[in-house]
Amino acid sequence: MTTLIIPAVSLGNVPQLAVDLLIHTLRLTPSQALDDTYLHPFASPRDHLPDQTEPSGISTGLELYEDNKKQLAVVQQRSPVVTPYTKKFATDVLVPLAGKYDRVILVDSTNGGFDDVSRLHTIDVVTSDVVLNAKVEKLSLQDGIHEDDNDHFSGTTRAVIEARGKNVTSDVVLAYVYEGDNTNDAFALADKLASILELGTQRWQCPVSWTGMYGLRQHSNAMEDGLYG
């Protein structure tokens, strides 16, 4: 069964960070640049692991990475959608791509303040059925699932679900996070995805783009840099 993972640009960029860990730890191969018409312009050098030679070429705002042996494909979105075009982005780009795969996992994040249980690294898995039916009937959700998860999805996630319709089910992996140093949230979310995909325990490897991010850089001994750098 082929699986496609689609991250939403959402709180703390945690889905993008988790997808980074999947791409580089599993050594997924970049297969194509997707249509980024509806995204803010973006280009950068190709990311890689510290022990790898820097690849040639550039990365665009929306790319697909694959591993045919694992029957896994992962979208990496590096730039947000231009606000008025969220639905167009979903219907014109993401939904046609999703239709090529047997299983679709949407990865999202929302404000940790919505987590009334106050668990560390809360991550819920909700099927798109919940989103499409919640307004129609009262649902009994399994333990550990927030009944109003569907209210906390990003615009892109909701647009993809609604565009795919009631006859197609997607899993939504939703992380409750706070803005700040989200590296541990990314590791926890990547662990959850690895569990769902039955990939086993992974030793996650961070790409060079993470160098200097949050608390990962070497701090200077100078007071000015230590406080403000």
C-alpha atoms as a PDB file:
ATOM      1  CA  MET A   1       0.000   0.000   0.000  1.00  0.00           C
ATOM      2  CA  THR A   2       1.486   3.334  -1.067  1.00  0.00           C
ATOM      3  CA  THR A   3       1.386   6.201   1.422  1.00  0.00           C
ATOM      4  CA  LEU A   4       1.627   9.947   0.877  1.00  0.00           C
ATOM      5  CA  ILE A   5       2.431  12.348   3.731  1.00  0.00           C
ATOM      6  CA  ILE A   6       1.363  15.984   3.344  1.00  0.00           C
ATOM      7  CA  PRO A   7       2.469  18.531   5.984  1.00  0.00           C
ATOM      8  CA  ALA A   8       0.583  21.779   6.539  1.00  0.00           C
ATOM      9  CA  VAL A   9       2.409  25.034   7.197  1.00  0.00           C
ATOM     10  CA  SER A  10       1.070  25.559  10.701  1.00  0.00           C
ATOM     11  CA  LEU A  11       2.056  26.485  14.255  1.00  0.00           C
ATOM     12  CA  GLY A  12       5.802  26.322  14.874  1.00  0.00           C
ATOM     13  CA  ASN A  13       6.355  24.733  11.451  1.00  0.00           C
ATOM     14  CA  VAL A  14       6.442  21.446  13.350  1.00  0.00           C
ATOM     15  CA  PRO A  15       5.040  19.372  10.436  1.00  0.00           C
ATOM     16  CA  GLN A  16       7.825  20.689   8.166  1.00  0.00           C
ATOM     17  CA  LEU A  17      10.465  19.895  10.776  1.00  0.00           C
ATOM     18  CA  ALA A  18       9.116  16.366  11.283  1.00  0.00           C
ATOM     19  CA  VAL A  19       9.052  15.809   7.529  1.00  0.00           C
ATOM     20  CA  ASP A  20      12.673  17.030   7.352  1.00  0.00           C
ATOM     21  CA  LEU A  21      13.603  14.273   9.789  1.00  0.00           C
ATOM     22  CA  LEU A  22      11.788  11.649   7.707  1.00  0.00           C
ATOM     23  CA  ILE A  23      13.335  12.814   4.440  1.00  0.00           C
ATOM     24  CA  HIS A  24      16.926  12.894   5.660  1.00  0.00           C
ATOM     25  CA  THR A  25      16.935   9.980   8.102  1.00  0.00           C
ATOM     26  CA  LEU A  26      15.215   7.631   5.645  1.00  0.00           C
ATOM     27  CA  ARG A  27      17.301   9.069   2.771  1.00  0.00           C
ATOM     28  CA  LEU A  28      14.248   9.722   0.621  1.00  0.00           C
ATOM     29  CA  THR A  29      14.984  10.716  -2.965  1.00  0.00           C
ATOM     30  CA  PRO A  30      13.744  14.038  -4.388  1.00  0.00           C
ATOM     31  CA  SER A  31      11.549  13.005  -7.306  1.00  0.00           C
ATOM     32  CA  GLN A  32       9.938  16.196  -8.569  1.00  0.00           C
ATOM     33  CA  ALA A  33       9.261  19.855  -7.921  1.00  0.00           C
ATOM     34  CA  LEU A  34       5.513  20.336  -7.549  1.00  0.00           C
ATOM     35  CA  ASP A  35       3.500  23.306  -8.765  1.00  0.00           C
ATOM     36  CA  ASP A  36       4.184  26.144  -6.324  1.00  0.00           C
ATOM     37  CA  THR A  37       2.098  28.766  -8.133  1.00  0.00           C
ATOM     38  CA  TYR A  38      -0.072  29.385  -5.054  1.00  0.00           C
ATOM     39  CA  LEU A  39       2.859  29.697  -2.625  1.00  0.00           C
ATOM     40  CA  HIS A  40       5.004  32.658  -1.716  1.00  0.00           C
ATOM     41  CA  PRO A  41       8.180  32.573  -3.847  1.00  0.00           C
ATOM     42  CA  PHE A  42      10.947  30.430  -2.395  1.00  0.00           C
ATOM     43  CA  ALA A  43      14.303  28.996  -3.456  1.00  0.00           C
ATOM     44  CA  SER A  44      17.273  27.711  -1.467  1.00  0.00           C
ATOM     45  CA  PRO A  45      20.319  25.447  -1.773  1.00  0.00           C
ATOM     46  CA  ARG A  46      19.472  21.763  -1.463  1.00  0.00           C
ATOM     47  CA  ASP A  47      19.430  20.524   2.111  1.00  0.00           C
ATOM     48  CA  HIS A  48      21.555  17.557   3.169  1.00  0.00           C
ATOM     49  CA  LEU A  49      23.025  15.803   6.182  1.00  0.00           C
ATOM     50  CA  PRO A  50      26.264  17.177   7.670  1.00  0.00           C
ATOM     51  CA  ASP A  51      28.221  14.093   6.530  1.00  0.00           C
ATOM     52  CA  GLN A  52      27.007  14.386   2.926  1.00  0.00           C
ATOM     53  CA  THR A  53      28.444  16.387   0.051  1.00  0.00           C
ATOM     54  CA  GLU A  54      26.263  19.393  -0.705  1.00  0.00           C
ATOM     55  CA  PRO A  55      23.999  18.472  -3.639  1.00  0.00           C
ATOM     56  CA  SER A  56      23.864  20.651  -6.716  1.00  0.00           C
ATOM     57  CA  GLY A  57      20.735  22.544  -7.737  1.00  0.00           C
ATOM     58  CA  ILE A  58      18.113  24.355  -5.688  1.00  0.00           C
ATOM     59  CA  SER A  59      15.080  23.465  -3.610  1.00  0.00           C
ATOM     60  CA  THR A  60      11.739  25.040  -4.435  1.00  0.00           C
ATOM     61  CA  GLY A  61       8.744  25.817  -2.250  1.00  0.00           C
ATOM     62  CA  LEU A  62       7.038  22.474  -2.864  1.00  0.00           C
ATOM     63  CA  GLU A  63       8.763  19.170  -3.587  1.00  0.00           C
ATOM     64  CA  LEU A  64       8.021  15.457  -3.527  1.00  0.00           C
ATOM     65  CA  TYR A  65      10.397  12.889  -2.023  1.00  0.00           C
ATOM     66  CA  GLU A  66       9.965   9.137  -2.455  1.00  0.00           C
ATOM     67  CA  ASP A  67      11.205   5.691  -1.531  1.00  0.00           C
ATOM     68  CA  ASN A  68       9.662   3.078  -3.819  1.00  0.00           C
ATOM     69  CA  LYS A  69      10.854   0.160  -1.686  1.00  0.00           C
ATOM     70  CA  LYS A  70       9.087   1.582   1.366  1.00  0.00           C
ATOM     71  CA  GLN A  71       6.130   2.631  -0.834  1.00  0.00           C
ATOM     72  CA  LEU A  72       6.385   6.029   0.801  1.00  0.00           C
ATOM     73  CA  ALA A  73       6.141   9.534  -0.629  1.00  0.00           C
ATOM     74  CA  VAL A  74       6.518  12.760   1.338  1.00  0.00           C
ATOM     75  CA  VAL A  75       5.666  16.311   0.348  1.00  0.00           C
ATOM     76  CA  GLN A  76       7.867  19.070   1.738  1.00  0.00           C
ATOM     77  CA  GLN A  77       6.297  22.539   1.668  1.00  0.00           C
ATOM     78  CA  ARG A  78       8.811  25.244   2.493  1.00  0.00           C
ATOM     79  CA  SER A  79       6.690  28.320   1.839  1.00  0.00           C
ATOM     80  CA  PRO A  80       3.181  29.297   3.007  1.00  0.00           C
ATOM     81  CA  VAL A  81       0.193  29.557   0.714  1.00  0.00           C
ATOM     82  CA  VAL A  82      -0.785  33.020  -0.482  1.00  0.00           C
ATOM     83  CA  THR A  83      -3.848  33.585   1.708  1.00  0.00           C
ATOM     84  CA  PRO A  84      -6.697  33.823  -0.851  1.00  0.00           C
ATOM     85  CA  TYR A  85      -5.568  30.644  -2.643  1.00  0.00           C
ATOM     86  CA  THR A  86      -5.749  27.955   0.042  1.00  0.00           C
ATOM     87  CA  LYS A  87      -8.668  26.128  -1.586  1.00  0.00           C
ATOM     88  CA  LYS A  88      -7.148  26.456  -5.060  1.00  0.00           C
ATOM     89  CA  PHE A  89      -3.871  25.043  -3.759  1.00  0.00           C
ATOM     90  CA  ALA A  90      -5.716  22.088  -2.241  1.00  0.00           C
ATOM     91  CA  THR A  91      -7.935  21.330  -5.249  1.00  0.00           C
ATOM     92  CA  ASP A  92      -5.416  22.024  -8.031  1.00  0.00           C
ATOM     93  CA  VAL A  93      -2.214  20.655  -6.507  1.00  0.00           C
ATOM     94  CA  LEU A  94      -2.600  18.488  -3.406  1.00  0.00           C
ATOM     95  CA  VAL A  95      -5.801  16.573  -4.152  1.00  0.00           C
ATOM     96  CA  PRO A  96      -4.718  15.365  -7.647  1.00  0.00           C
ATOM     97  CA  LEU A  97      -1.425  14.228  -6.129  1.00  0.00           C
ATOM     98  CA  ALA A  98      -3.195  12.480  -3.234  1.00  0.00           C
ATOM     99  CA  GLY A  99      -5.365  10.575  -5.706  1.00  0.00           C
ATOM    100  CA  LYS A 100      -2.308   8.633  -6.879  1.00  0.00           C
ATOM    101  CA  TYR A 101      -1.764   6.978  -3.488  1.00  0.00           C
ATOM    102  CA  ASP A 102      -3.631   4.362  -1.472  1.00  0.00           C
ATOM    103  CA  ARG A 103      -3.261   6.164   1.834  1.00  0.00           C
ATOM    104  CA  VAL A 104      -2.887   9.849   2.662  1.00  0.00           C
ATOM    105  CA  ILE A 105      -1.648  11.208   5.989  1.00  0.00           C
ATOM    106  CA  LEU A 106      -2.094  14.932   6.619  1.00  0.00           C
ATOM    107  CA  VAL A 107       0.268  16.343   9.244  1.00  0.00           C
ATOM    108  CA  ASP A 108      -0.769  19.456  11.159  1.00  0.00           C
ATOM    109  CA  SER A 109      -0.061  21.410  14.352  1.00  0.00           C
ATOM    110  CA  THR A 110      -2.119  23.690  16.540  1.00  0.00           C
ATOM    111  CA  ASN A 111      -1.900  25.767  19.715  1.00  0.00           C
ATOM    112  CA  GLY A 112      -0.953  23.709  22.767  1.00  0.00           C
ATOM    113  CA  GLY A 113      -3.357  25.831  24.794  1.00  0.00           C
ATOM    114  CA  PHE A 114      -6.222  23.896  23.195  1.00  0.00           C
ATOM    115  CA  ASP A 115      -4.986  20.727  24.896  1.00  0.00           C
ATOM    116  CA  ASP A 116      -7.121  20.619  28.029  1.00  0.00           C
ATOM    117  CA  VAL A 117      -5.322  17.485  29.242  1.00  0.00           C
ATOM    118  CA  SER A 118      -1.936  19.279  29.279  1.00  0.00           C
ATOM    119  CA  ARG A 119       0.022  16.223  28.217  1.00  0.00           C
ATOM    120  CA  LEU A 120       3.627  16.559  27.030  1.00  0.00           C
ATOM    121  CA  HIS A 121       3.898  16.375  23.234  1.00  0.00           C
ATOM    122  CA  THR A 122       0.213  15.655  22.713  1.00  0.00           C
ATOM    123  CA  ILE A 123      -0.353  14.172  19.258  1.00  0.00           C
ATOM    124  CA  ASP A 124      -3.764  13.000  18.122  1.00  0.00           C
ATOM    125  CA  VAL A 125      -4.660  10.915  15.086  1.00  0.00           C
ATOM    126  CA  VAL A 126      -8.059  11.737  13.630  1.00  0.00           C
ATOM    127  CA  THR A 127      -9.665  10.431  10.449  1.00  0.00           C
ATOM    128  CA  SER A 128     -11.173  12.926   8.005  1.00  0.00           C
ATOM    129  CA  ASP A 129     -14.568  11.320   8.674  1.00  0.00           C
ATOM    130  CA  VAL A 130     -14.564  13.219  11.968  1.00  0.00           C
ATOM    131  CA  VAL A 131     -14.138  16.539  10.206  1.00  0.00           C
ATOM    132  CA  LEU A 132     -16.849  15.914   7.636  1.00  0.00           C
ATOM    133  CA  ASN A 133     -19.400  14.477  10.040  1.00  0.00           C
ATOM    134  CA  ALA A 134     -18.810  16.433  13.258  1.00  0.00           C
ATOM    135  CA  LYS A 135     -21.323  19.108  12.327  1.00  0.00           C
ATOM    136  CA  VAL A 136     -23.973  16.499  11.595  1.00  0.00           C
ATOM    137  CA  GLU A 137     -23.845  14.182  14.572  1.00  0.00           C
ATOM    138  CA  LYS A 138     -22.307  13.782  18.007  1.00  0.00           C
ATOM    139  CA  LEU A 139     -19.350  11.421  17.678  1.00  0.00           C
ATOM    140  CA  SER A 140     -17.931   9.111  20.302  1.00  0.00           C
ATOM    141  CA  LEU A 141     -14.157   9.334  19.886  1.00  0.00           C
ATOM    142  CA  GLN A 142     -11.582   6.900  21.190  1.00  0.00           C
ATOM    143  CA  ASP A 143      -9.677   7.693  24.382  1.00  0.00           C
ATOM    144  CA  GLY A 144      -6.981  10.304  23.952  1.00  0.00           C
ATOM    145  CA  ILE A 145      -8.708  12.070  21.070  1.00  0.00           C
ATOM    146  CA  HIS A 146     -10.040  15.592  21.451  1.00  0.00           C
ATOM    147  CA  GLU A 147     -13.626  15.851  20.279  1.00  0.00           C
ATOM    148  CA  ASP A 148     -12.979  19.269  18.768  1.00  0.00           C
ATOM    149  CA  ASP A 149      -9.734  18.374  16.970  1.00  0.00           C
ATOM    150  CA  ASN A 150     -11.422  19.178  13.691  1.00  0.00           C
ATOM    151  CA  ASP A 151     -11.843  22.800  14.833  1.00  0.00           C
ATOM    152  CA  HIS A 152      -8.084  23.121  15.212  1.00  0.00           C
ATOM    153  CA  PHE A 153      -6.949  22.038  11.754  1.00  0.00           C
ATOM    154  CA  SER A 154      -5.144  24.509   9.520  1.00  0.00           C
ATOM    155  CA  GLY A 155      -6.852  25.907   6.453  1.00  0.00           C
ATOM    156  CA  THR A 156      -4.838  23.697   4.109  1.00  0.00           C
ATOM    157  CA  THR A 157      -5.663  20.489   5.968  1.00  0.00           C
ATOM    158  CA  ARG A 158      -9.353  21.307   6.075  1.00  0.00           C
ATOM    159  CA  ALA A 159      -9.365  22.328   2.396  1.00  0.00           C
ATOM    160  CA  VAL A 160      -7.758  19.036   1.344  1.00  0.00           C
ATOM    161  CA  ILE A 161     -10.238  16.988   3.373  1.00  0.00           C
ATOM    162  CA  GLU A 162     -13.252  18.857   2.038  1.00  0.00           C
ATOM    163  CA  ALA A 163     -11.978  18.744  -1.552  1.00  0.00           C
ATOM    164  CA  ARG A 164     -11.408  14.974  -1.376  1.00  0.00           C
ATOM    165  CA  GLY A 165     -14.989  14.487  -0.225  1.00  0.00           C
ATOM    166  CA  LYS A 166     -16.898  12.088   1.989  1.00  0.00           C
ATOM    167  CA  ASN A 167     -15.960   8.965   0.045  1.00  0.00           C
ATOM    168  CA  VAL A 168     -12.217   9.318   0.637  1.00  0.00           C
ATOM    169  CA  THR A 169     -10.713   9.041   4.119  1.00  0.00           C
ATOM    170  CA  SER A 170      -7.428  10.597   5.198  1.00  0.00           C
ATOM    171  CA  ASP A 171      -5.655  10.357   8.527  1.00  0.00           C
ATOM    172  CA  VAL A 172      -4.802  13.656  10.204  1.00  0.00           C
ATOM    173  CA  VAL A 173      -1.893  13.622  12.650  1.00  0.00           C
ATOM    174  CA  LEU A 174      -2.325  16.726  14.803  1.00  0.00           C
ATOM    175  CA  ALA A 175       0.354  17.949  17.214  1.00  0.00           C
ATOM    176  CA  TYR A 176      -0.452  20.375  20.047  1.00  0.00           C
ATOM    177  CA  VAL A 177       2.556  22.685  20.385  1.00  0.00           C
ATOM    178  CA  TYR A 178       3.720  26.106  21.556  1.00  0.00           C
ATOM    179  CA  GLU A 179       5.866  28.503  19.568  1.00  0.00           C
ATOM    180  CA  GLY A 180       9.512  28.584  20.561  1.00  0.00           C
ATOM    181  CA  ASP A 181      12.057  25.790  20.436  1.00  0.00           C
ATOM    182  CA  ASN A 182      10.028  23.123  18.638  1.00  0.00           C
ATOM    183  CA  THR A 183      12.820  20.613  18.041  1.00  0.00           C
ATOM    184  CA  ASN A 184      11.492  18.157  20.622  1.00  0.00           C
ATOM    185  CA  ASP A 185       7.982  18.547  19.192  1.00  0.00           C
ATOM    186  CA  ALA A 186       9.402  17.659  15.773  1.00  0.00           C
ATOM    187  CA  PHE A 187      11.140  14.554  17.142  1.00  0.00           C
ATOM    188  CA  ALA A 188       7.933  13.471  18.892  1.00  0.00           C
ATOM    189  CA  LEU A 189       5.865  14.014  15.746  1.00  0.00           C
ATOM    190  CA  ALA A 190       8.401  12.124  13.624  1.00  0.00           C
ATOM    191  CA  ASP A 191       8.277   9.265  16.165  1.00  0.00           C
ATOM    192  CA  LYS A 192       4.488   9.193  15.817  1.00  0.00           C
ATOM    193  CA  LEU A 193       4.690   9.068  12.025  1.00  0.00           C
ATOM    194  CA  ALA A 194       7.306   6.308  12.174  1.00  0.00           C
ATOM    195  CA  SER A 195       4.987   4.323  14.440  1.00  0.00           C
ATOM    196  CA  ILE A 196       2.019   4.805  12.104  1.00  0.00           C
ATOM    197  CA  LEU A 197       4.141   3.774   9.121  1.00  0.00           C
ATOM    198  CA  GLU A 198       5.581   0.808  11.068  1.00  0.00           C
ATOM    199  CA  LEU A 199       9.140   1.952  10.392  1.00  0.00           C
ATOM    200  CA  GLY A 200      10.437   0.959  13.808  1.00  0.00           C
ATOM    201  CA  THR A 201      12.510   3.099  16.152  1.00  0.00           C
ATOM    202  CA  GLN A 202      14.575   5.692  14.319  1.00  0.00           C
ATOM    203  CA  ARG A 203      17.645   7.686  15.310  1.00  0.00           C
ATOM    204  CA  TRP A 204      16.611  10.940  13.741  1.00  0.00           C
ATOM    205  CA  GLN A 205      19.247  12.894  11.829  1.00  0.00           C
ATOM    206  CA  CYS A 206      18.961  16.658  11.440  1.00  0.00           C
ATOM    207  CA  PRO A 207      19.892  18.292   8.118  1.00  0.00           C
ATOM    208  CA  VAL A 208      22.322  21.199   7.883  1.00  0.00           C
ATOM    209  CA  SER A 209      19.436  23.669   7.590  1.00  0.00           C
ATOM    210  CA  TRP A 210      18.813  23.039  11.294  1.00  0.00           C
ATOM    211  CA  THR A 211      22.286  24.356  12.217  1.00  0.00           C
ATOM    212  CA  GLY A 212      21.849  27.446  14.361  1.00  0.00           C
ATOM    213  CA  MET A 213      18.129  26.818  14.782  1.00  0.00           C
ATOM    214  CA  TYR A 214      16.754  27.293  18.302  1.00  0.00           C
ATOM    215  CA  GLY A 215      19.212  25.837  20.795  1.00  0.00           C
ATOM    216  CA  LEU A 216      21.161  23.711  18.305  1.00  0.00           C
ATOM    217  CA  ARG A 217      23.954  26.189  17.602  1.00  0.00           C
ATOM    218  CA  GLN A 218      27.123  26.633  19.631  1.00  0.00           C
ATOM    219  CA  HIS A 219      26.697  29.604  21.948  1.00  0.00           C
ATOM    220  CA  SER A 220      29.311  32.308  22.104  1.00  0.00           C
ATOM    221  CA  ASN A 221      31.066  33.093  25.362  1.00  0.00           C
ATOM    222  CA  ALA A 222      30.627  36.815  24.701  1.00  0.00           C
ATOM    223  CA  MET A 223      27.947  38.404  26.839  1.00  0.00           C
ATOM    224  CA  GLU A 224      26.430  40.280  23.907  1.00  0.00           C
ATOM    225  CA  ASP A 225      26.132  37.216  21.725  1.00  0.00           C
ATOM    226  CA  GLY A 226      25.029  35.041  24.629  1.00  0.00           C
ATOM    227  CA  LEU A 227      22.169  37.372  25.479  1.00  0.00           C
ATOM    228  CA  TYR A 228      21.175  38.796  22.135  1.00  0.00           C
ATOM    229  CA  GLY A 229      22.912  36.820  19.393  1.00  0.00           C
END
